Amino acid sequence: MRRATEIVEQHYLDGQPSLFVEAAEGLDQLAGLVQELIDGYNEDLASRLEDQQKLLSDAGSKEQELGLIIDPTGVNGKIEAPVNDRVAYVVDVAKAEAHRQTAAIFGR
C-alpha cells in the first residue's frame, strides 16, 4: 500500500500527499501490525520446530522447515505487481470519471 500511495503521489499528484495525515498514520500502523503478525508466526513456528526437531530424522526435514517460514521480503516481491496493476486500474477509473464529469459540464 505504501508503494501504491507513492506511485499515485509521484505520477499523478506532483508529489502532493494523497492521504490525510490520519489515514497515512493508520496505514503505517497497519503495516507495523502485519509485520508483528509475521514475526510472531515465525517465532512460534521456530519454537514448535525446535521442540519437534528431535523427531525429525529424514534428510529433507530441514528443507520442509524452511518452506514454512514467511519471509516478509518475499511477500513484498509477490504483491508489488498486483499493487501496481490495481493502482493503474484505480487511476484509469478516476480519469474516466473526470472525463465524464468534464464532458457533462461542457455538454460534450
C-alpha atoms as a PDB file:
ATOM      1  CA  MET A   1       0.000   0.000   0.000  1.00  0.00           C
ATOM      2  CA  ARG A   2       2.846   2.371   0.728  1.00  0.00           C
ATOM      3  CA  ARG A   3       4.235   1.760  -2.740  1.00  0.00           C
ATOM      4  CA  ALA A   4       0.831   2.315  -4.343  1.00  0.00           C
ATOM      5  CA  THR A   5       0.451   5.595  -2.468  1.00  0.00           C
ATOM      6  CA  GLU A   6       3.919   6.714  -3.560  1.00  0.00           C
ATOM      7  CA  ILE A   7       3.184   5.892  -7.208  1.00  0.00           C
ATOM      8  CA  VAL A   8      -0.040   7.896  -7.214  1.00  0.00           C
ATOM      9  CA  GLU A   9       1.576  10.836  -5.440  1.00  0.00           C
ATOM     10  CA  GLN A  10       4.613  10.925  -7.741  1.00  0.00           C
ATOM     11  CA  HIS A  11       2.933  10.327 -11.092  1.00  0.00           C
ATOM     12  CA  TYR A  12      -0.455  11.980 -10.715  1.00  0.00           C
ATOM     13  CA  LEU A  13      -0.325  14.462  -7.828  1.00  0.00           C
ATOM     14  CA  ASP A  14       3.016  16.200  -8.379  1.00  0.00           C
ATOM     15  CA  GLY A  15       4.367  14.778  -5.125  1.00  0.00           C
ATOM     16  CA  GLN A  16       1.458  16.054  -3.037  1.00  0.00           C
ATOM     17  CA  PRO A  17       0.174  13.690  -0.316  1.00  0.00           C
ATOM     18  CA  SER A  18      -2.774  11.581  -1.435  1.00  0.00           C
ATOM     19  CA  LEU A  19      -3.875  10.633   2.081  1.00  0.00           C
ATOM     20  CA  PHE A  20      -4.969  12.623   5.074  1.00  0.00           C
ATOM     21  CA  VAL A  21      -2.416  12.508   7.886  1.00  0.00           C
ATOM     22  CA  GLU A  22      -4.669  10.224   9.954  1.00  0.00           C
ATOM     23  CA  ALA A  23      -5.086   7.813   7.037  1.00  0.00           C
ATOM     24  CA  ALA A  24      -1.341   7.709   6.388  1.00  0.00           C
ATOM     25  CA  GLU A  25      -0.683   7.053  10.080  1.00  0.00           C
ATOM     26  CA  GLY A  26      -3.331   4.317  10.047  1.00  0.00           C
ATOM     27  CA  LEU A  27      -1.677   2.726   7.014  1.00  0.00           C
ATOM     28  CA  ASP A  28       1.707   2.801   8.759  1.00  0.00           C
ATOM     29  CA  GLN A  29       0.151   1.287  11.875  1.00  0.00           C
ATOM     30  CA  LEU A  30      -1.480  -1.467   9.818  1.00  0.00           C
ATOM     31  CA  ALA A  31       1.828  -2.270   8.097  1.00  0.00           C
ATOM     32  CA  GLY A  32       3.505  -2.460  11.514  1.00  0.00           C
ATOM     33  CA  LEU A  33       0.832  -4.829  12.800  1.00  0.00           C
ATOM     34  CA  VAL A  34       1.232  -7.094   9.764  1.00  0.00           C
ATOM     35  CA  GLN A  35       4.995  -7.179  10.377  1.00  0.00           C
ATOM     36  CA  GLU A  36       4.379  -8.074  14.031  1.00  0.00           C
ATOM     37  CA  LEU A  37       1.995 -10.841  12.946  1.00  0.00           C
ATOM     38  CA  ILE A  38       4.596 -12.286  10.577  1.00  0.00           C
ATOM     39  CA  ASP A  39       7.308 -12.064  13.249  1.00  0.00           C
ATOM     40  CA  GLY A  40       5.045 -13.735  15.810  1.00  0.00           C
ATOM     41  CA  TYR A  41       4.186 -16.516  13.392  1.00  0.00           C
ATOM     42  CA  ASN A  42       7.845 -17.117  12.583  1.00  0.00           C
ATOM     43  CA  GLU A  43       8.827 -17.111  16.271  1.00  0.00           C
ATOM     44  CA  ASP A  44       6.040 -19.542  17.162  1.00  0.00           C
ATOM     45  CA  LEU A  45       6.967 -21.772  14.253  1.00  0.00           C
ATOM     46  CA  ALA A  46      10.632 -21.746  15.265  1.00  0.00           C
ATOM     47  CA  SER A  47       9.679 -22.695  18.812  1.00  0.00           C
ATOM     48  CA  ARG A  48       7.473 -25.571  17.655  1.00  0.00           C
ATOM     49  CA  LEU A  49      10.085 -26.819  15.213  1.00  0.00           C
ATOM     50  CA  GLU A  50      12.743 -26.710  17.901  1.00  0.00           C
ATOM     51  CA  ASP A  51      10.523 -28.797  20.182  1.00  0.00           C
ATOM     52  CA  GLN A  52       9.894 -31.347  17.450  1.00  0.00           C
ATOM     53  CA  GLN A  53      13.381 -31.337  15.942  1.00  0.00           C
ATOM     54  CA  LYS A  54      14.297 -34.488  17.832  1.00  0.00           C
ATOM     55  CA  LEU A  55      11.530 -36.306  15.991  1.00  0.00           C
ATOM     56  CA  LEU A  56      12.739 -35.239  12.571  1.00  0.00           C
ATOM     57  CA  SER A  57      15.219 -37.714  11.240  1.00  0.00           C
ATOM     58  CA  ASP A  58      14.963 -37.736   7.467  1.00  0.00           C
ATOM     59  CA  ALA A  59      17.322 -35.647   5.309  1.00  0.00           C
ATOM     60  CA  GLY A  60      14.548 -33.495   3.803  1.00  0.00           C
ATOM     61  CA  SER A  61      13.220 -32.299   7.143  1.00  0.00           C
ATOM     62  CA  LYS A  62      15.338 -29.120   7.203  1.00  0.00           C
ATOM     63  CA  GLU A  63      14.038 -28.117   3.755  1.00  0.00           C
ATOM     64  CA  GLN A  64      10.474 -28.714   4.964  1.00  0.00           C
ATOM     65  CA  GLU A  65      11.083 -26.425   7.959  1.00  0.00           C
ATOM     66  CA  LEU A  66      12.443 -23.612   5.798  1.00  0.00           C
ATOM     67  CA  GLY A  67       9.433 -23.840   3.500  1.00  0.00           C
ATOM     68  CA  LEU A  68       7.107 -22.941   6.385  1.00  0.00           C
ATOM     69  CA  ILE A  69       8.835 -19.696   7.385  1.00  0.00           C
ATOM     70  CA  ILE A  70       7.351 -16.469   5.994  1.00  0.00           C
ATOM     71  CA  ASP A  71       9.912 -14.101   4.515  1.00  0.00           C
ATOM     72  CA  PRO A  72       8.486 -10.541   4.538  1.00  0.00           C
ATOM     73  CA  THR A  73      10.742  -9.520   1.645  1.00  0.00           C
ATOM     74  CA  GLY A  74       9.303 -12.371  -0.394  1.00  0.00           C
ATOM     75  CA  VAL A  75       5.777 -11.190   0.411  1.00  0.00           C
ATOM     76  CA  ASN A  76       6.621  -7.672  -0.785  1.00  0.00           C
ATOM     77  CA  GLY A  77       8.041  -9.028  -4.029  1.00  0.00           C
ATOM     78  CA  LYS A  78       4.925 -11.079  -4.719  1.00  0.00           C
ATOM     79  CA  ILE A  79       2.471  -8.251  -4.144  1.00  0.00           C
ATOM     80  CA  GLU A  80       4.265  -5.453  -5.984  1.00  0.00           C
ATOM     81  CA  ALA A  81       2.974  -6.370  -9.458  1.00  0.00           C
ATOM     82  CA  PRO A  82      -0.676  -6.787  -8.343  1.00  0.00           C
ATOM     83  CA  VAL A  83      -0.443  -3.493  -6.414  1.00  0.00           C
ATOM     84  CA  ASN A  84       0.910  -1.700  -9.474  1.00  0.00           C
ATOM     85  CA  ASP A  85      -1.874  -3.198 -11.606  1.00  0.00           C
ATOM     86  CA  ARG A  86      -4.511  -2.150  -9.073  1.00  0.00           C
ATOM     87  CA  VAL A  87      -3.113   1.389  -8.880  1.00  0.00           C
ATOM     88  CA  ALA A  88      -3.192   1.658 -12.677  1.00  0.00           C
ATOM     89  CA  TYR A  89      -6.814   0.452 -12.679  1.00  0.00           C
ATOM     90  CA  VAL A  90      -7.882   2.935  -9.982  1.00  0.00           C
ATOM     91  CA  VAL A  91      -6.152   5.773 -11.821  1.00  0.00           C
ATOM     92  CA  ASP A  92      -7.842   4.776 -15.109  1.00  0.00           C
ATOM     93  CA  VAL A  93     -11.246   4.727 -13.408  1.00  0.00           C
ATOM     94  CA  ALA A  94     -10.569   8.146 -11.854  1.00  0.00           C
ATOM     95  CA  LYS A  95      -9.501   9.553 -15.238  1.00  0.00           C
ATOM     96  CA  ALA A  96     -12.614   8.152 -16.916  1.00  0.00           C
ATOM     97  CA  GLU A  97     -14.843   9.659 -14.231  1.00  0.00           C
ATOM     98  CA  ALA A  98     -13.073  13.037 -14.514  1.00  0.00           C
ATOM     99  CA  HIS A  99     -13.528  12.912 -18.294  1.00  0.00           C
ATOM    100  CA  ARG A 100     -17.221  12.051 -17.898  1.00  0.00           C
ATOM    101  CA  GLN A 101     -17.757  14.936 -15.482  1.00  0.00           C
ATOM    102  CA  THR A 102     -15.856  17.372 -17.698  1.00  0.00           C
ATOM    103  CA  ALA A 103     -17.938  16.311 -20.705  1.00  0.00           C
ATOM    104  CA  ALA A 104     -21.134  16.757 -18.687  1.00  0.00           C
ATOM    105  CA  ILE A 105     -20.064  20.252 -17.603  1.00  0.00           C
ATOM    106  CA  PHE A 106     -19.200  21.373 -21.116  1.00  0.00           C
ATOM    107  CA  GLY A 107     -22.057  19.494 -22.770  1.00  0.00           C
ATOM    108  CA  ARG A 108     -19.952  17.138 -24.840  1.00  0.00           C
END
